């Protein structure tokens, strides 16, 4: 999220996933502003194995929001369990184009 040239950029806006497959979603912030990644409907329809921040692993069953206050990176390991078209967005920056889709087939 964000880059050295543009605070309001996403490297990818659409992801196509398959139910039952294991994924690792690497989410990084350039740290030029605060980014709050929100995708509640998506998180409720996946099995989350873990969230990794550096060398720290967090075991959780559900996520609500990933909050980046500075430069950083998070990896979410998960398996989609239901099909659907799910939106992700950076809260408060949607009108600046910081939204995307997670399409699970």
C-alpha atoms as a PDB file:
ATOM      1  CA  UNK A   1       0.000   0.000   0.000  1.00  0.00           C
ATOM      2  CA  UNK A   2       1.426   3.285  -1.073  1.00  0.00           C
ATOM      3  CA  UNK A   3       4.746   3.816  -2.813  1.00  0.00           C
ATOM      4  CA  UNK A   4       7.562   6.353  -2.845  1.00  0.00           C
ATOM      5  CA  UNK A   5       5.755   8.174  -5.678  1.00  0.00           C
ATOM      6  CA  UNK A   6       2.085   7.851  -4.666  1.00  0.00           C
ATOM      7  CA  UNK A   7       0.429   7.501  -1.247  1.00  0.00           C
ATOM      8  CA  UNK A   8      -2.762   6.145  -2.802  1.00  0.00           C
ATOM      9  CA  UNK A   9      -1.604   3.159  -4.825  1.00  0.00           C
ATOM     10  CA  UNK A  10      -2.198  -0.563  -4.499  1.00  0.00           C
ATOM     11  CA  UNK A  11       0.124  -2.987  -6.268  1.00  0.00           C
ATOM     12  CA  UNK A  12      -2.796  -5.287  -7.074  1.00  0.00           C
ATOM     13  CA  UNK A  13      -6.533  -4.627  -7.044  1.00  0.00           C
ATOM     14  CA  UNK A  14      -7.914  -8.030  -7.952  1.00  0.00           C
ATOM     15  CA  UNK A  15      -7.115 -11.516  -6.710  1.00  0.00           C
ATOM     16  CA  UNK A  16      -8.637 -14.724  -8.095  1.00  0.00           C
ATOM     17  CA  UNK A  17      -8.653 -17.567  -5.595  1.00  0.00           C
ATOM     18  CA  UNK A  18     -10.010 -21.102  -5.372  1.00  0.00           C
ATOM     19  CA  UNK A  19     -11.815 -22.625  -2.416  1.00  0.00           C
ATOM     20  CA  UNK A  20      -9.815 -25.276  -0.605  1.00  0.00           C
ATOM     21  CA  UNK A  21      -6.393 -23.987  -1.747  1.00  0.00           C
ATOM     22  CA  UNK A  22      -3.805 -22.666   0.676  1.00  0.00           C
ATOM     23  CA  UNK A  23      -2.640 -19.070   0.164  1.00  0.00           C
ATOM     24  CA  UNK A  24      -0.152 -16.614   1.597  1.00  0.00           C
ATOM     25  CA  UNK A  25      -1.123 -12.945   1.153  1.00  0.00           C
ATOM     26  CA  UNK A  26       1.826 -10.613   1.716  1.00  0.00           C
ATOM     27  CA  UNK A  27       0.595  -7.105   2.539  1.00  0.00           C
ATOM     28  CA  UNK A  28       3.114  -4.285   2.847  1.00  0.00           C
ATOM     29  CA  UNK A  29       2.908  -0.600   3.669  1.00  0.00           C
ATOM     30  CA  UNK A  30       5.303   2.014   2.300  1.00  0.00           C
ATOM     31  CA  UNK A  31       4.618   3.907   5.528  1.00  0.00           C
ATOM     32  CA  UNK A  32       3.912   7.303   4.038  1.00  0.00           C
ATOM     33  CA  UNK A  33       0.575   7.441   5.883  1.00  0.00           C
ATOM     34  CA  UNK A  34      -1.616   5.243   8.084  1.00  0.00           C
ATOM     35  CA  UNK A  35      -3.353   2.430   6.199  1.00  0.00           C
ATOM     36  CA  UNK A  36      -6.187   0.354   7.675  1.00  0.00           C
ATOM     37  CA  UNK A  37      -6.937  -2.624   5.421  1.00  0.00           C
ATOM     38  CA  UNK A  38     -10.504  -3.849   5.910  1.00  0.00           C
ATOM     39  CA  UNK A  39     -12.099  -6.995   4.395  1.00  0.00           C
ATOM     40  CA  UNK A  40     -14.529  -8.350   7.019  1.00  0.00           C
ATOM     41  CA  UNK A  41     -16.734 -10.394   4.668  1.00  0.00           C
ATOM     42  CA  UNK A  42     -13.686 -12.054   3.153  1.00  0.00           C
ATOM     43  CA  UNK A  43     -12.111 -12.881   6.532  1.00  0.00           C
ATOM     44  CA  UNK A  44     -15.395 -14.467   7.673  1.00  0.00           C
ATOM     45  CA  UNK A  45     -15.291 -16.826   4.687  1.00  0.00           C
ATOM     46  CA  UNK A  46     -11.753 -18.162   5.026  1.00  0.00           C
ATOM     47  CA  UNK A  47      -9.951 -20.426   7.463  1.00  0.00           C
ATOM     48  CA  UNK A  48      -7.023 -18.407   8.805  1.00  0.00           C
ATOM     49  CA  UNK A  49      -4.021 -20.536   9.701  1.00  0.00           C
ATOM     50  CA  UNK A  50      -1.877 -17.690  10.986  1.00  0.00           C
ATOM     51  CA  UNK A  51      -0.804 -14.081  10.630  1.00  0.00           C
ATOM     52  CA  UNK A  52       2.938 -13.425  10.579  1.00  0.00           C
ATOM     53  CA  UNK A  53       4.560 -10.114  11.480  1.00  0.00           C
ATOM     54  CA  UNK A  54       8.314 -10.441  11.192  1.00  0.00           C
ATOM     55  CA  UNK A  55       9.299 -13.468  13.235  1.00  0.00           C
ATOM     56  CA  UNK A  56       6.095 -13.332  15.259  1.00  0.00           C
ATOM     57  CA  UNK A  57       3.232 -15.686  14.372  1.00  0.00           C
ATOM     58  CA  UNK A  58      -0.281 -14.874  15.501  1.00  0.00           C
ATOM     59  CA  UNK A  59      -2.834 -17.688  15.659  1.00  0.00           C
ATOM     60  CA  UNK A  60      -6.359 -16.363  15.236  1.00  0.00           C
ATOM     61  CA  UNK A  61      -9.672 -17.506  13.851  1.00  0.00           C
ATOM     62  CA  UNK A  62     -10.803 -14.182  12.373  1.00  0.00           C
ATOM     63  CA  UNK A  63      -9.505 -10.785  11.381  1.00  0.00           C
ATOM     64  CA  UNK A  64     -11.334  -7.491  11.271  1.00  0.00           C
ATOM     65  CA  UNK A  65      -8.658  -5.047  10.171  1.00  0.00           C
ATOM     66  CA  UNK A  66      -4.928  -4.822   9.523  1.00  0.00           C
ATOM     67  CA  UNK A  67      -3.659  -1.472  10.779  1.00  0.00           C
ATOM     68  CA  UNK A  68      -0.336  -0.121   9.484  1.00  0.00           C
ATOM     69  CA  UNK A  69       0.913   2.978  11.319  1.00  0.00           C
ATOM     70  CA  UNK A  70       4.336   2.934   9.643  1.00  0.00           C
ATOM     71  CA  UNK A  71       6.435   0.950   7.180  1.00  0.00           C
ATOM     72  CA  UNK A  72       5.708  -2.724   7.678  1.00  0.00           C
ATOM     73  CA  UNK A  73       4.681  -6.064   6.299  1.00  0.00           C
ATOM     74  CA  UNK A  74       2.171  -8.733   7.309  1.00  0.00           C
ATOM     75  CA  UNK A  75       1.651 -12.184   5.842  1.00  0.00           C
ATOM     76  CA  UNK A  76      -1.732 -13.857   6.213  1.00  0.00           C
ATOM     77  CA  UNK A  77      -1.879 -17.630   5.604  1.00  0.00           C
ATOM     78  CA  UNK A  78      -5.401 -18.824   4.811  1.00  0.00           C
ATOM     79  CA  UNK A  79      -7.718 -21.189   2.921  1.00  0.00           C
ATOM     80  CA  UNK A  80     -10.929 -19.825   1.327  1.00  0.00           C
ATOM     81  CA  UNK A  81     -13.919 -21.948   2.339  1.00  0.00           C
ATOM     82  CA  UNK A  82     -16.777 -20.202   0.457  1.00  0.00           C
ATOM     83  CA  UNK A  83     -17.122 -18.805  -3.027  1.00  0.00           C
ATOM     84  CA  UNK A  84     -18.007 -15.174  -3.616  1.00  0.00           C
ATOM     85  CA  UNK A  85     -16.832 -11.736  -4.644  1.00  0.00           C
ATOM     86  CA  UNK A  86     -15.402  -9.929  -1.622  1.00  0.00           C
ATOM     87  CA  UNK A  87     -14.230  -6.331  -1.412  1.00  0.00           C
ATOM     88  CA  UNK A  88     -11.144  -5.146   0.404  1.00  0.00           C
ATOM     89  CA  UNK A  89     -10.487  -1.478   1.061  1.00  0.00           C
ATOM     90  CA  UNK A  90      -8.275   0.922   2.919  1.00  0.00           C
ATOM     91  CA  UNK A  91     -10.638   2.602   5.357  1.00  0.00           C
ATOM     92  CA  UNK A  92     -11.007   6.319   4.684  1.00  0.00           C
ATOM     93  CA  UNK A  93      -9.153   6.185   1.353  1.00  0.00           C
ATOM     94  CA  UNK A  94     -11.741   4.418  -0.800  1.00  0.00           C
ATOM     95  CA  UNK A  95     -12.501   7.573  -2.810  1.00  0.00           C
ATOM     96  CA  UNK A  96      -8.768   7.767  -3.619  1.00  0.00           C
ATOM     97  CA  UNK A  97      -9.006   4.359  -5.326  1.00  0.00           C
ATOM     98  CA  UNK A  98      -7.713   2.168  -2.527  1.00  0.00           C
ATOM     99  CA  UNK A  99     -10.177  -0.679  -3.026  1.00  0.00           C
ATOM    100  CA  UNK A 100     -10.016  -4.086  -4.635  1.00  0.00           C
ATOM    101  CA  UNK A 101     -11.728  -7.451  -5.093  1.00  0.00           C
ATOM    102  CA  UNK A 102     -11.044 -10.956  -3.879  1.00  0.00           C
ATOM    103  CA  UNK A 103     -12.878 -13.330  -6.202  1.00  0.00           C
ATOM    104  CA  UNK A 104     -13.191 -16.839  -4.782  1.00  0.00           C
ATOM    105  CA  UNK A 105     -14.343 -19.565  -7.173  1.00  0.00           C
END
